[in-house]
Amino acid sequence: MDSYRADHFRRRLSQAGAPDRSLRCVWSSHPSYDRCCRSRVPVGVVAAAWREELERGRLHEGFFHFAWRGGVWLAYGLPDGRVRGVYCPSHRAEREQRLGYDPQLAPAAAEHSL
């Protein structure tokens, strides 16, 4: 299979949300990097949330919130429809607190995306 067809096949799998594919929370215990988060979310869930953001025209690339299993996740979407990475609910909240964001903005944003 040539490179173009292989890339196309991988993209179609991620868009379809193949059940065995998931994204792991990108958090690490910076600056020591001696731990990482094991939380995962299915690719299909994140891809669908990002497609919705793109269809609504709110973003073309960037961070967005989405709700899954009672939590609000943070992800980074790319213009071609792929998602680069995710933060689980607890590490999203930790990141946003560190950056000084209003903790109520994420749940409100995720509610509007449903």
N, C-alpha and C. Protein backbone atom coordinates (compact mmCIF):
# COMPACT_ATOMS: atom_id res chain seq x y z
N MET A 1 0.86 -1.18 0.00
CA MET A 1 0.00 0.00 0.00
C MET A 1 0.90 1.23 0.00
N ASP A 2 0.66 2.15 -0.94
CA ASP A 2 1.49 3.34 -1.00
C ASP A 2 1.20 4.28 0.17
N SER A 3 2.08 5.24 0.37
CA SER A 3 2.00 6.16 1.51
C SER A 3 0.69 6.94 1.54
N TYR A 4 0.24 7.43 0.38
CA TYR A 4 -1.00 8.21 0.33
C TYR A 4 -2.18 7.35 0.78
N ARG A 5 -2.29 6.14 0.27
CA ARG A 5 -3.41 5.26 0.62
C ARG A 5 -3.34 4.86 2.09
N ALA A 6 -2.15 4.63 2.61
CA ALA A 6 -2.00 4.27 4.03
C ALA A 6 -2.45 5.43 4.91
N ASP A 7 -2.04 6.65 4.57
CA ASP A 7 -2.45 7.83 5.34
C ASP A 7 -3.96 8.02 5.27
N HIS A 8 -4.52 7.83 4.07
CA HIS A 8 -5.97 7.97 3.89
C HIS A 8 -6.70 6.93 4.74
N PHE A 9 -6.22 5.70 4.75
CA PHE A 9 -6.83 4.63 5.53
C PHE A 9 -6.78 4.95 7.02
N ARG A 10 -5.63 5.41 7.52
CA ARG A 10 -5.50 5.77 8.94
C ARG A 10 -6.45 6.90 9.30
N ARG A 11 -6.56 7.89 8.41
CA ARG A 11 -7.46 9.02 8.65
C ARG A 11 -8.90 8.55 8.71
N ARG A 12 -9.30 7.67 7.80
CA ARG A 12 -10.67 7.16 7.79
C ARG A 12 -10.96 6.36 9.06
N LEU A 13 -9.98 5.58 9.52
CA LEU A 13 -10.18 4.84 10.77
C LEU A 13 -10.38 5.78 11.94
N SER A 14 -9.56 6.82 12.01
CA SER A 14 -9.70 7.74 13.14
C SER A 14 -11.02 8.50 13.06
N GLN A 15 -11.46 8.84 11.86
CA GLN A 15 -12.73 9.55 11.72
C GLN A 15 -13.90 8.63 12.07
N ALA A 16 -13.76 7.36 11.77
CA ALA A 16 -14.83 6.42 12.06
C ALA A 16 -14.85 6.06 13.53
N GLY A 17 -13.77 6.38 14.23
CA GLY A 17 -13.72 6.08 15.66
C GLY A 17 -13.58 4.60 15.92
N ALA A 18 -12.61 3.98 15.26
CA ALA A 18 -12.39 2.56 15.46
C ALA A 18 -12.34 2.27 16.96
N PRO A 19 -13.07 1.25 17.42
CA PRO A 19 -13.23 1.02 18.85
C PRO A 19 -11.93 0.79 19.62
N ASP A 20 -10.91 0.30 18.97
CA ASP A 20 -9.67 0.03 19.68
C ASP A 20 -8.72 1.22 19.68
N ARG A 21 -9.11 2.33 19.07
CA ARG A 21 -8.24 3.51 19.02
C ARG A 21 -8.67 4.51 20.08
N SER A 22 -7.70 5.02 20.79
CA SER A 22 -7.99 6.03 21.80
C SER A 22 -6.83 7.00 21.90
N LEU A 23 -7.12 8.15 22.48
CA LEU A 23 -6.09 9.15 22.76
C LEU A 23 -5.87 9.20 24.26
N ARG A 24 -4.62 9.22 24.66
CA ARG A 24 -4.29 9.29 26.08
C ARG A 24 -4.03 10.74 26.46
N CYS A 25 -4.40 11.09 27.68
CA CYS A 25 -4.15 12.43 28.21
C CYS A 25 -2.66 12.75 28.06
N VAL A 26 -2.35 13.95 27.57
CA VAL A 26 -0.96 14.32 27.29
C VAL A 26 -0.22 14.85 28.52
N TRP A 27 -0.92 14.95 29.66
CA TRP A 27 -0.28 15.47 30.86
C TRP A 27 0.94 14.66 31.23
N SER A 28 1.95 15.35 31.70
CA SER A 28 3.13 14.71 32.28
C SER A 28 3.49 15.50 33.53
N SER A 29 4.25 14.90 34.40
CA SER A 29 4.60 15.56 35.66
C SER A 29 5.77 16.52 35.46
N HIS A 30 5.60 17.43 34.52
CA HIS A 30 6.63 18.44 34.25
C HIS A 30 7.01 19.15 35.54
N PRO A 31 8.21 19.43 35.87
CA PRO A 31 9.39 19.29 35.02
C PRO A 31 10.13 17.94 35.16
N SER A 32 9.71 17.09 36.09
CA SER A 32 10.46 15.84 36.28
C SER A 32 10.11 14.77 35.25
N TYR A 33 8.90 14.80 34.69
CA TYR A 33 8.44 13.82 33.70
C TYR A 33 8.54 12.38 34.19
N ASP A 34 8.38 12.17 35.49
CA ASP A 34 8.50 10.82 36.02
C ASP A 34 7.16 10.09 36.09
N ARG A 35 6.07 10.78 35.72
CA ARG A 35 4.74 10.16 35.71
C ARG A 35 3.98 10.64 34.49
N CYS A 36 2.99 9.87 34.08
CA CYS A 36 2.09 10.32 33.02
C CYS A 36 0.69 9.85 33.36
N CYS A 37 -0.29 10.44 32.73
CA CYS A 37 -1.69 10.11 32.98
C CYS A 37 -2.09 8.92 32.11
N ARG A 38 -2.91 8.05 32.66
CA ARG A 38 -3.38 6.88 31.92
C ARG A 38 -4.80 7.03 31.37
N SER A 39 -5.43 8.19 31.61
CA SER A 39 -6.80 8.42 31.13
C SER A 39 -6.82 8.43 29.61
N ARG A 40 -7.87 7.80 29.06
CA ARG A 40 -8.01 7.71 27.61
C ARG A 40 -9.45 8.04 27.20
N VAL A 41 -9.58 8.48 25.95
CA VAL A 41 -10.89 8.77 25.36
C VAL A 41 -10.86 8.20 23.93
N PRO A 42 -11.96 7.59 23.48
CA PRO A 42 -11.98 7.05 22.12
C PRO A 42 -11.77 8.15 21.07
N VAL A 43 -11.01 7.83 20.05
CA VAL A 43 -10.74 8.78 18.98
C VAL A 43 -12.04 9.28 18.35
N GLY A 44 -13.00 8.38 18.18
CA GLY A 44 -14.27 8.76 17.55
C GLY A 44 -15.02 9.82 18.32
N VAL A 45 -14.95 9.78 19.64
CA VAL A 45 -15.63 10.78 20.48
C VAL A 45 -14.99 12.15 20.26
N VAL A 46 -13.66 12.19 20.29
CA VAL A 46 -12.95 13.46 20.13
C VAL A 46 -13.12 13.99 18.71
N ALA A 47 -13.01 13.11 17.73
CA ALA A 47 -13.14 13.52 16.33
C ALA A 47 -14.52 14.10 16.06
N ALA A 48 -15.56 13.48 16.62
CA ALA A 48 -16.92 13.98 16.42
C ALA A 48 -17.09 15.36 17.04
N ALA A 49 -16.53 15.55 18.23
CA ALA A 49 -16.62 16.86 18.90
C ALA A 49 -15.89 17.93 18.08
N TRP A 50 -14.72 17.57 17.53
CA TRP A 50 -13.95 18.53 16.74
C TRP A 50 -14.67 18.84 15.42
N ARG A 51 -15.24 17.82 14.79
CA ARG A 51 -16.00 18.06 13.55
C ARG A 51 -17.15 19.04 13.81
N GLU A 52 -17.79 18.88 14.95
CA GLU A 52 -18.89 19.79 15.30
C GLU A 52 -18.38 21.22 15.45
N GLU A 53 -17.24 21.38 16.09
CA GLU A 53 -16.65 22.73 16.22
C GLU A 53 -16.35 23.31 14.84
N LEU A 54 -15.76 22.49 13.96
CA LEU A 54 -15.44 22.97 12.62
C LEU A 54 -16.70 23.34 11.84
N GLU A 55 -17.74 22.50 11.93
CA GLU A 55 -18.99 22.77 11.22
C GLU A 55 -19.67 24.04 11.70
N ARG A 56 -19.56 24.31 12.98
CA ARG A 56 -20.16 25.53 13.53
C ARG A 56 -19.34 26.77 13.20
N GLY A 57 -18.13 26.57 12.72
CA GLY A 57 -17.28 27.69 12.33
C GLY A 57 -16.68 28.46 13.48
N ARG A 58 -16.72 27.88 14.68
CA ARG A 58 -16.18 28.59 15.85
C ARG A 58 -14.66 28.61 15.84
N LEU A 59 -14.07 27.55 15.37
CA LEU A 59 -12.61 27.44 15.34
C LEU A 59 -12.17 26.82 14.02
N HIS A 60 -10.93 27.10 13.64
CA HIS A 60 -10.31 26.42 12.50
C HIS A 60 -9.15 25.57 12.99
N GLU A 61 -8.60 25.97 14.12
CA GLU A 61 -7.53 25.23 14.78
C GLU A 61 -7.45 25.75 16.20
N GLY A 62 -7.22 24.86 17.14
CA GLY A 62 -7.03 25.31 18.50
C GLY A 62 -7.66 24.41 19.54
N PHE A 63 -7.60 24.89 20.79
CA PHE A 63 -8.16 24.15 21.91
C PHE A 63 -9.68 24.25 21.92
N PHE A 64 -10.33 23.15 22.31
CA PHE A 64 -11.77 23.13 22.46
C PHE A 64 -12.13 22.15 23.58
N HIS A 65 -13.26 22.38 24.20
CA HIS A 65 -13.76 21.52 25.27
C HIS A 65 -14.83 20.59 24.73
N PHE A 66 -14.91 19.40 25.29
CA PHE A 66 -15.99 18.48 24.96
C PHE A 66 -16.31 17.64 26.18
N ALA A 67 -17.55 17.21 26.27
CA ALA A 67 -18.00 16.41 27.40
C ALA A 67 -17.98 14.93 27.02
N TRP A 68 -17.53 14.11 27.96
CA TRP A 68 -17.55 12.66 27.76
C TRP A 68 -17.59 11.98 29.13
N ARG A 69 -18.54 11.10 29.30
CA ARG A 69 -18.71 10.32 30.53
C ARG A 69 -18.70 11.18 31.80
N GLY A 70 -19.43 12.27 31.75
CA GLY A 70 -19.60 13.11 32.92
C GLY A 70 -18.46 14.06 33.22
N GLY A 71 -17.46 14.12 32.35
CA GLY A 71 -16.33 15.03 32.55
C GLY A 71 -16.13 15.93 31.36
N VAL A 72 -15.42 17.03 31.58
CA VAL A 72 -15.11 17.96 30.50
C VAL A 72 -13.64 17.81 30.16
N TRP A 73 -13.39 17.42 28.93
CA TRP A 73 -12.03 17.22 28.41
C TRP A 73 -11.62 18.44 27.60
N LEU A 74 -10.32 18.59 27.41
CA LEU A 74 -9.76 19.65 26.56
C LEU A 74 -8.95 18.96 25.47
N ALA A 75 -9.11 19.42 24.24
CA ALA A 75 -8.36 18.84 23.12
C ALA A 75 -7.87 19.94 22.20
N TYR A 76 -6.91 19.58 21.34
CA TYR A 76 -6.40 20.53 20.36
C TYR A 76 -6.70 19.97 18.97
N GLY A 77 -7.52 20.70 18.20
CA GLY A 77 -7.91 20.26 16.87
C GLY A 77 -7.14 20.98 15.78
N LEU A 78 -6.92 20.26 14.68
CA LEU A 78 -6.20 20.79 13.53
C LEU A 78 -7.16 21.07 12.38
N PRO A 79 -6.79 21.96 11.46
CA PRO A 79 -7.68 22.32 10.35
C PRO A 79 -8.11 21.14 9.47
N ASP A 80 -7.29 20.11 9.39
CA ASP A 80 -7.63 18.97 8.52
C ASP A 80 -8.57 17.97 9.20
N GLY A 81 -9.04 18.30 10.41
CA GLY A 81 -9.99 17.43 11.10
C GLY A 81 -9.38 16.50 12.13
N ARG A 82 -8.06 16.43 12.17
CA ARG A 82 -7.41 15.57 13.16
C ARG A 82 -7.33 16.29 14.51
N VAL A 83 -7.12 15.51 15.55
CA VAL A 83 -6.94 16.05 16.89
C VAL A 83 -5.54 15.68 17.34
N ARG A 84 -4.81 16.68 17.81
CA ARG A 84 -3.41 16.48 18.16
C ARG A 84 -3.24 15.87 19.55
N GLY A 85 -4.07 16.22 20.51
CA GLY A 85 -3.92 15.69 21.86
C GLY A 85 -5.08 16.08 22.75
N VAL A 86 -5.16 15.43 23.90
CA VAL A 86 -6.26 15.68 24.85
C VAL A 86 -5.73 15.79 26.27
N TYR A 87 -6.48 16.53 27.09
CA TYR A 87 -6.27 16.56 28.54
C TYR A 87 -7.53 15.98 29.18
N CYS A 88 -7.36 15.07 30.13
CA CYS A 88 -8.48 14.51 30.87
C CYS A 88 -9.09 15.60 31.76
N PRO A 89 -10.28 15.36 32.31
CA PRO A 89 -10.93 16.40 33.12
C PRO A 89 -10.08 16.94 34.27
N SER A 90 -9.43 16.07 35.02
CA SER A 90 -8.66 16.58 36.17
C SER A 90 -7.43 17.37 35.73
N HIS A 91 -6.73 16.92 34.69
CA HIS A 91 -5.55 17.66 34.24
C HIS A 91 -5.93 18.90 33.43
N ARG A 92 -7.10 18.88 32.79
CA ARG A 92 -7.61 20.09 32.14
C ARG A 92 -7.85 21.16 33.20
N ALA A 93 -8.52 20.77 34.28
CA ALA A 93 -8.82 21.73 35.35
C ALA A 93 -7.53 22.27 35.98
N GLU A 94 -6.57 21.38 36.19
CA GLU A 94 -5.28 21.78 36.76
C GLU A 94 -4.57 22.77 35.83
N ARG A 95 -4.57 22.49 34.54
CA ARG A 95 -3.92 23.36 33.55
C ARG A 95 -4.62 24.72 33.52
N GLU A 96 -5.95 24.71 33.50
CA GLU A 96 -6.68 25.96 33.40
C GLU A 96 -6.54 26.80 34.67
N GLN A 97 -6.46 26.15 35.81
CA GLN A 97 -6.24 26.89 37.06
C GLN A 97 -4.85 27.52 37.05
N ARG A 98 -3.86 26.78 36.60
CA ARG A 98 -2.50 27.29 36.52
C ARG A 98 -2.41 28.50 35.60
N LEU A 99 -3.22 28.48 34.52
CA LEU A 99 -3.21 29.58 33.56
C LEU A 99 -4.15 30.72 33.95
N GLY A 100 -4.90 30.53 35.04
CA GLY A 100 -5.78 31.58 35.54
C GLY A 100 -7.12 31.67 34.85
N TYR A 101 -7.58 30.58 34.23
CA TYR A 101 -8.89 30.58 33.56
C TYR A 101 -10.01 30.42 34.57
N ASP A 102 -11.17 30.94 34.24
CA ASP A 102 -12.36 30.79 35.06
C ASP A 102 -12.80 29.33 34.99
N PRO A 103 -12.88 28.63 36.14
CA PRO A 103 -13.22 27.20 36.11
C PRO A 103 -14.62 26.90 35.61
N GLN A 104 -15.50 27.88 35.55
CA GLN A 104 -16.86 27.65 35.05
C GLN A 104 -16.97 27.74 33.53
N LEU A 105 -15.95 28.27 32.87
CA LEU A 105 -16.01 28.42 31.42
C LEU A 105 -16.00 27.07 30.70
N ALA A 106 -15.19 26.13 31.15
CA ALA A 106 -15.09 24.84 30.48
C ALA A 106 -16.40 24.07 30.52
N PRO A 107 -17.04 23.91 31.69
CA PRO A 107 -18.31 23.18 31.66
C PRO A 107 -19.37 23.87 30.79
N ALA A 108 -19.40 25.19 30.80
CA ALA A 108 -20.37 25.91 29.97
C ALA A 108 -20.08 25.68 28.49
N ALA A 109 -18.81 25.70 28.11
CA ALA A 109 -18.43 25.47 26.71
C ALA A 109 -18.80 24.07 26.28
N ALA A 110 -18.59 23.09 27.14
CA ALA A 110 -18.91 21.70 26.80
C ALA A 110 -20.42 21.51 26.70
N GLU A 111 -21.20 22.19 27.51
CA GLU A 111 -22.66 22.09 27.44
C GLU A 111 -23.17 22.58 26.10
N HIS A 112 -22.58 23.67 25.61
CA HIS A 112 -23.03 24.23 24.33
C HIS A 112 -22.63 23.37 23.15
N SER A 113 -21.63 22.51 23.33
CA SER A 113 -21.19 21.68 22.21
C SER A 113 -22.02 20.41 22.09
N LEU A 114 -22.89 20.13 23.06
CA LEU A 114 -23.71 18.90 23.00
C LEU A 114 -24.88 19.06 22.08
